[in-house]
């Protein structure tokens, strides 16, 4: 596995961990349920992972 792939895998793992933690709070879950509809994601979990992964990789957030 290349260094770039390892970095991406680590970043994705971080995003998954952040998403799981955030979705434990009802207010965050509602936020990501709305974002899921906007992004046409199947779930709040998928939207949260997308949100945190983009934030980790680019420093930007999805709104």
PDB file of N, CA and C in Angstrom:
ATOM      1  N   UNK A   1       0.853  -1.169   0.000  1.00  0.00           N
ATOM      2  CA  UNK A   1       0.000   0.000   0.000  1.00  0.00           C
ATOM      3  C   UNK A   1       0.907   1.242   0.000  1.00  0.00           C
ATOM      4  N   UNK A   2       0.579   2.183  -0.844  1.00  0.00           N
ATOM      5  CA  UNK A   2       1.381   3.403  -0.939  1.00  0.00           C
ATOM      6  C   UNK A   2       1.145   4.306   0.277  1.00  0.00           C
ATOM      7  N   UNK A   3       2.043   5.249   0.447  1.00  0.00           N
ATOM      8  CA  UNK A   3       1.914   6.198   1.557  1.00  0.00           C
ATOM      9  C   UNK A   3       0.623   7.014   1.429  1.00  0.00           C
ATOM     10  N   UNK A   4       0.294   7.367   0.192  1.00  0.00           N
ATOM     11  CA  UNK A   4      -0.932   8.139  -0.061  1.00  0.00           C
ATOM     12  C   UNK A   4      -2.174   7.339   0.351  1.00  0.00           C
ATOM     13  N   UNK A   5      -2.171   6.047   0.030  1.00  0.00           N
ATOM     14  CA  UNK A   5      -3.297   5.187   0.393  1.00  0.00           C
ATOM     15  C   UNK A   5      -3.395   5.022   1.910  1.00  0.00           C
ATOM     16  N   UNK A   6      -2.243   4.883   2.553  1.00  0.00           N
ATOM     17  CA  UNK A   6      -2.232   4.749   4.012  1.00  0.00           C
ATOM     18  C   UNK A   6      -2.792   6.008   4.672  1.00  0.00           C
ATOM     19  N   UNK A   7      -2.392   7.160   4.153  1.00  0.00           N
ATOM     20  CA  UNK A   7      -2.881   8.430   4.692  1.00  0.00           C
ATOM     21  C   UNK A   7      -4.389   8.540   4.515  1.00  0.00           C
ATOM     22  N   UNK A   8      -4.875   8.207   3.322  1.00  0.00           N
ATOM     23  CA  UNK A   8      -6.318   8.272   3.055  1.00  0.00           C
ATOM     24  C   UNK A   8      -7.082   7.311   3.961  1.00  0.00           C
ATOM     25  N   UNK A   9      -6.538   6.122   4.156  1.00  0.00           N
ATOM     26  CA  UNK A   9      -7.188   5.137   5.014  1.00  0.00           C
ATOM     27  C   UNK A   9      -7.246   5.635   6.461  1.00  0.00           C
ATOM     28  N   UNK A  10      -6.168   6.244   6.925  1.00  0.00           N
ATOM     29  CA  UNK A  10      -6.136   6.783   8.281  1.00  0.00           C
ATOM     30  C   UNK A  10      -7.142   7.926   8.429  1.00  0.00           C
ATOM     31  N   UNK A  11      -7.200   8.801   7.424  1.00  0.00           N
ATOM     32  CA  UNK A  11      -8.140   9.924   7.466  1.00  0.00           C
ATOM     33  C   UNK A  11      -9.578   9.422   7.481  1.00  0.00           C
ATOM     34  N   UNK A  12      -9.859   8.395   6.684  1.00  0.00           N
ATOM     35  CA  UNK A  12     -11.209   7.840   6.648  1.00  0.00           C
ATOM     36  C   UNK A  12     -11.566   7.222   8.001  1.00  0.00           C
ATOM     37  N   UNK A  13     -10.620   6.520   8.596  1.00  0.00           N
ATOM     38  CA  UNK A  13     -10.857   5.927   9.918  1.00  0.00           C
ATOM     39  C   UNK A  13     -11.157   6.999  10.958  1.00  0.00           C
ATOM     40  N   UNK A  14     -10.437   8.107  10.885  1.00  0.00           N
ATOM     41  CA  UNK A  14     -10.696   9.230  11.792  1.00  0.00           C
ATOM     42  C   UNK A  14     -12.106   9.775  11.575  1.00  0.00           C
ATOM     43  N   UNK A  15     -12.506   9.901  10.311  1.00  0.00           N
ATOM     44  CA  UNK A  15     -13.838  10.420   9.991  1.00  0.00           C
ATOM     45  C   UNK A  15     -14.926   9.501  10.532  1.00  0.00           C
ATOM     46  N   UNK A  16     -14.728   8.196  10.406  1.00  0.00           N
ATOM     47  CA  UNK A  16     -15.705   7.231  10.919  1.00  0.00           C
ATOM     48  C   UNK A  16     -15.825   7.356  12.436  1.00  0.00           C
ATOM     49  N   UNK A  17     -14.693   7.463  13.114  1.00  0.00           N
ATOM     50  CA  UNK A  17     -14.711   7.596  14.575  1.00  0.00           C
ATOM     51  C   UNK A  17     -15.416   8.882  14.998  1.00  0.00           C
ATOM     52  N   UNK A  18     -15.138   9.970  14.303  1.00  0.00           N
ATOM     53  CA  UNK A  18     -15.779  11.248  14.625  1.00  0.00           C
ATOM     54  C   UNK A  18     -17.280  11.177  14.373  1.00  0.00           C
ATOM     55  N   UNK A  19     -17.680  10.516  13.285  1.00  0.00           N
ATOM     56  CA  UNK A  19     -19.104  10.380  12.958  1.00  0.00           C
ATOM     57  C   UNK A  19     -19.829   9.578  14.034  1.00  0.00           C
ATOM     58  N   UNK A  20     -19.237   8.464  14.444  1.00  0.00           N
ATOM     59  CA  UNK A  20     -19.861   7.637  15.480  1.00  0.00           C
ATOM     60  C   UNK A  20     -20.049   8.421  16.771  1.00  0.00           C
ATOM     61  N   UNK A  21     -19.033   9.186  17.139  1.00  0.00           N
ATOM     62  CA  UNK A  21     -19.108   9.979  18.366  1.00  0.00           C
ATOM     63  C   UNK A  21     -20.179  11.064  18.249  1.00  0.00           C
ATOM     64  N   UNK A  22     -20.204  11.756  17.126  1.00  0.00           N
ATOM     65  CA  UNK A  22     -21.161  12.847  16.938  1.00  0.00           C
ATOM     66  C   UNK A  22     -22.604  12.345  16.948  1.00  0.00           C
ATOM     67  N   UNK A  23     -22.846  11.196  16.346  1.00  0.00           N
ATOM     68  CA  UNK A  23     -24.214  10.695  16.224  1.00  0.00           C
ATOM     69  C   UNK A  23     -24.794  10.192  17.544  1.00  0.00           C
ATOM     70  N   UNK A  24     -23.986  10.147  18.576  1.00  0.00           N
ATOM     71  CA  UNK A  24     -24.497   9.774  19.893  1.00  0.00           C
ATOM     72  C   UNK A  24     -25.311  10.910  20.510  1.00  0.00           C
ATOM     73  N   UNK A  25     -25.110  12.125  20.015  1.00  0.00           N
ATOM     74  CA  UNK A  25     -25.853  13.291  20.507  1.00  0.00           C
ATOM     75  C   UNK A  25     -27.059  13.523  19.597  1.00  0.00           C
ATOM     76  N   UNK A  26     -28.218  13.689  20.181  1.00  0.00           N
ATOM     77  CA  UNK A  26     -29.451  13.851  19.397  1.00  0.00           C
ATOM     78  C   UNK A  26     -29.396  15.072  18.487  1.00  0.00           C
ATOM     79  N   UNK A  27     -28.862  16.173  18.974  1.00  0.00           N
ATOM     80  CA  UNK A  27     -28.800  17.391  18.149  1.00  0.00           C
ATOM     81  C   UNK A  27     -27.908  17.186  16.923  1.00  0.00           C
ATOM     82  N   UNK A  28     -26.809  16.470  17.104  1.00  0.00           N
ATOM     83  CA  UNK A  28     -25.913  16.190  15.977  1.00  0.00           C
ATOM     84  C   UNK A  28     -26.568  15.217  15.000  1.00  0.00           C
ATOM     85  N   UNK A  29     -27.275  14.231  15.541  1.00  0.00           N
ATOM     86  CA  UNK A  29     -27.964  13.263  14.680  1.00  0.00           C
ATOM     87  C   UNK A  29     -28.971  13.980  13.779  1.00  0.00           C
ATOM     88  N   UNK A  30     -29.724  14.924  14.352  1.00  0.00           N
ATOM     89  CA  UNK A  30     -30.701  15.678  13.565  1.00  0.00           C
ATOM     90  C   UNK A  30     -30.008  16.505  12.486  1.00  0.00           C
ATOM     91  N   UNK A  31     -28.889  17.108  12.831  1.00  0.00           N
ATOM     92  CA  UNK A  31     -28.113  17.895  11.866  1.00  0.00           C
ATOM     93  C   UNK A  31     -27.691  17.016  10.684  1.00  0.00           C
ATOM     94  N   UNK A  32     -27.198  15.815  10.980  1.00  0.00           N
ATOM     95  CA  UNK A  32     -26.729  14.940   9.916  1.00  0.00           C
ATOM     96  C   UNK A  32     -27.878  14.271   9.157  1.00  0.00           C
ATOM     97  N   UNK A  33     -29.037  14.121   9.779  1.00  0.00           N
ATOM     98  CA  UNK A  33     -30.205  13.624   9.048  1.00  0.00           C
ATOM     99  C   UNK A  33     -30.626  14.639   7.989  1.00  0.00           C
ATOM    100  N   UNK A  34     -30.582  15.924   8.340  1.00  0.00           N
ATOM    101  CA  UNK A  34     -30.894  16.979   7.365  1.00  0.00           C
ATOM    102  C   UNK A  34     -29.848  17.015   6.260  1.00  0.00           C
ATOM    103  N   UNK A  35     -28.579  16.896   6.641  1.00  0.00           N
ATOM    104  CA  UNK A  35     -27.499  16.902   5.656  1.00  0.00           C
ATOM    105  C   UNK A  35     -27.606  15.694   4.727  1.00  0.00           C
ATOM    106  N   UNK A  36     -28.023  14.552   5.267  1.00  0.00           N
ATOM    107  CA  UNK A  36     -28.179  13.345   4.454  1.00  0.00           C
ATOM    108  C   UNK A  36     -29.203  13.571   3.342  1.00  0.00           C
ATOM    109  N   UNK A  37     -30.303  14.220   3.681  1.00  0.00           N
ATOM    110  CA  UNK A  37     -31.319  14.516   2.666  1.00  0.00           C
ATOM    111  C   UNK A  37     -30.760  15.454   1.608  1.00  0.00           C
ATOM    112  N   UNK A  38     -30.018  16.466   2.055  1.00  0.00           N
ATOM    113  CA  UNK A  38     -29.435  17.447   1.136  1.00  0.00           C
ATOM    114  C   UNK A  38     -28.420  16.793   0.192  1.00  0.00           C
ATOM    115  N   UNK A  39     -27.594  15.885   0.734  1.00  0.00           N
ATOM    116  CA  UNK A  39     -26.548  15.235  -0.060  1.00  0.00           C
ATOM    117  C   UNK A  39     -27.029  13.957  -0.749  1.00  0.00           C
ATOM    118  N   UNK A  40     -28.293  13.609  -0.510  1.00  0.00           N
ATOM    119  CA  UNK A  40     -28.879  12.378  -1.057  1.00  0.00           C
ATOM    120  C   UNK A  40     -28.111  11.138  -0.590  1.00  0.00           C
ATOM    121  N   UNK A  41     -27.770  11.150   0.686  1.00  0.00           N
ATOM    122  CA  UNK A  41     -27.122  10.003   1.321  1.00  0.00           C
ATOM    123  C   UNK A  41     -28.209   9.140   1.943  1.00  0.00           C
ATOM    124  N   UNK A  42     -27.921   7.865   2.102  1.00  0.00           N
ATOM    125  CA  UNK A  42     -28.912   6.937   2.632  1.00  0.00           C
ATOM    126  C   UNK A  42     -29.162   7.118   4.123  1.00  0.00           C
ATOM    127  N   UNK A  43     -28.179   7.685   4.833  1.00  0.00           N
ATOM    128  CA  UNK A  43     -28.335   7.780   6.285  1.00  0.00           C
ATOM    129  C   UNK A  43     -27.564   8.956   6.866  1.00  0.00           C
ATOM    130  N   UNK A  44     -27.899   9.268   8.105  1.00  0.00           N
ATOM    131  CA  UNK A  44     -27.164  10.301   8.835  1.00  0.00           C
ATOM    132  C   UNK A  44     -25.716   9.859   9.022  1.00  0.00           C
ATOM    133  N   UNK A  45     -25.506   8.573   9.202  1.00  0.00           N
ATOM    134  CA  UNK A  45     -24.155   8.020   9.371  1.00  0.00           C
ATOM    135  C   UNK A  45     -23.300   8.296   8.131  1.00  0.00           C
ATOM    136  N   UNK A  46     -23.847   8.030   6.951  1.00  0.00           N
ATOM    137  CA  UNK A  46     -23.122   8.295   5.703  1.00  0.00           C
ATOM    138  C   UNK A  46     -22.826   9.774   5.520  1.00  0.00           C
ATOM    139  N   UNK A  47     -23.779  10.607   5.862  1.00  0.00           N
ATOM    140  CA  UNK A  47     -23.584  12.054   5.749  1.00  0.00           C
ATOM    141  C   UNK A  47     -22.515  12.529   6.721  1.00  0.00           C
ATOM    142  N   UNK A  48     -22.518  11.988   7.927  1.00  0.00           N
ATOM    143  CA  UNK A  48     -21.529  12.382   8.932  1.00  0.00           C
ATOM    144  C   UNK A  48     -20.124  11.982   8.498  1.00  0.00           C
ATOM    145  N   UNK A  49     -19.984  10.795   7.948  1.00  0.00           N
ATOM    146  CA  UNK A  49     -18.672  10.366   7.467  1.00  0.00           C
ATOM    147  C   UNK A  49     -18.206  11.281   6.345  1.00  0.00           C
ATOM    148  N   UNK A  50     -19.084  11.582   5.399  1.00  0.00           N
ATOM    149  CA  UNK A  50     -18.726  12.495   4.304  1.00  0.00           C
ATOM    150  C   UNK A  50     -18.298  13.852   4.838  1.00  0.00           C
ATOM    151  N   UNK A  51     -19.047  14.358   5.789  1.00  0.00           N
ATOM    152  CA  UNK A  51     -18.771  15.665   6.385  1.00  0.00           C
ATOM    153  C   UNK A  51     -17.383  15.687   7.036  1.00  0.00           C
ATOM    154  N   UNK A  52     -17.136  14.727   7.900  1.00  0.00           N
ATOM    155  CA  UNK A  52     -15.863  14.723   8.626  1.00  0.00           C
ATOM    156  C   UNK A  52     -14.682  14.373   7.721  1.00  0.00           C
ATOM    157  N   UNK A  53     -14.885  13.494   6.763  1.00  0.00           N
ATOM    158  CA  UNK A  53     -13.791  13.135   5.851  1.00  0.00           C
ATOM    159  C   UNK A  53     -13.380  14.349   5.022  1.00  0.00           C
ATOM    160  N   UNK A  54     -14.364  15.083   4.516  1.00  0.00           N
ATOM    161  CA  UNK A  54     -14.033  16.289   3.746  1.00  0.00           C
ATOM    162  C   UNK A  54     -13.347  17.314   4.641  1.00  0.00           C
ATOM    163  N   UNK A  55     -13.829  17.453   5.845  1.00  0.00           N
ATOM    164  CA  UNK A  55     -13.242  18.409   6.782  1.00  0.00           C
ATOM    165  C   UNK A  55     -11.783  18.043   7.089  1.00  0.00           C
ATOM    166  N   UNK A  56     -11.501  16.781   7.283  1.00  0.00           N
ATOM    167  CA  UNK A  56     -10.138  16.327   7.564  1.00  0.00           C
ATOM    168  C   UNK A  56      -9.234  16.558   6.356  1.00  0.00           C
ATOM    169  N   UNK A  57      -9.718  16.214   5.171  1.00  0.00           N
ATOM    170  CA  UNK A  57      -8.880  16.302   3.970  1.00  0.00           C
ATOM    171  C   UNK A  57      -8.666  17.721   3.477  1.00  0.00           C
ATOM    172  N   UNK A  58      -9.670  18.578   3.593  1.00  0.00           N
ATOM    173  CA  UNK A  58      -9.574  19.906   2.977  1.00  0.00           C
ATOM    174  C   UNK A  58      -9.650  21.060   3.963  1.00  0.00           C
ATOM    175  N   UNK A  59     -10.104  20.774   5.160  1.00  0.00           N
ATOM    176  CA  UNK A  59     -10.293  21.849   6.126  1.00  0.00           C
ATOM    177  C   UNK A  59     -11.616  22.578   5.940  1.00  0.00           C
ATOM    178  N   UNK A  60     -12.414  22.144   4.957  1.00  0.00           N
ATOM    179  CA  UNK A  60     -13.720  22.755   4.683  1.00  0.00           C
ATOM    180  C   UNK A  60     -14.821  21.897   5.279  1.00  0.00           C
ATOM    181  N   UNK A  61     -15.950  22.516   5.521  1.00  0.00           N
ATOM    182  CA  UNK A  61     -17.108  21.752   5.970  1.00  0.00           C
ATOM    183  C   UNK A  61     -18.178  21.795   4.892  1.00  0.00           C
ATOM    184  N   UNK A  62     -19.049  20.812   4.926  1.00  0.00           N
ATOM    185  CA  UNK A  62     -20.174  20.746   3.992  1.00  0.00           C
ATOM    186  C   UNK A  62     -21.362  21.386   4.678  1.00  0.00           C
ATOM    187  N   UNK A  63     -21.991  22.334   4.036  1.00  0.00           N
ATOM    188  CA  UNK A  63     -23.188  22.953   4.628  1.00  0.00           C
ATOM    189  C   UNK A  63     -24.294  23.023   3.635  1.00  0.00           C
TER     190      UNK A  63
END
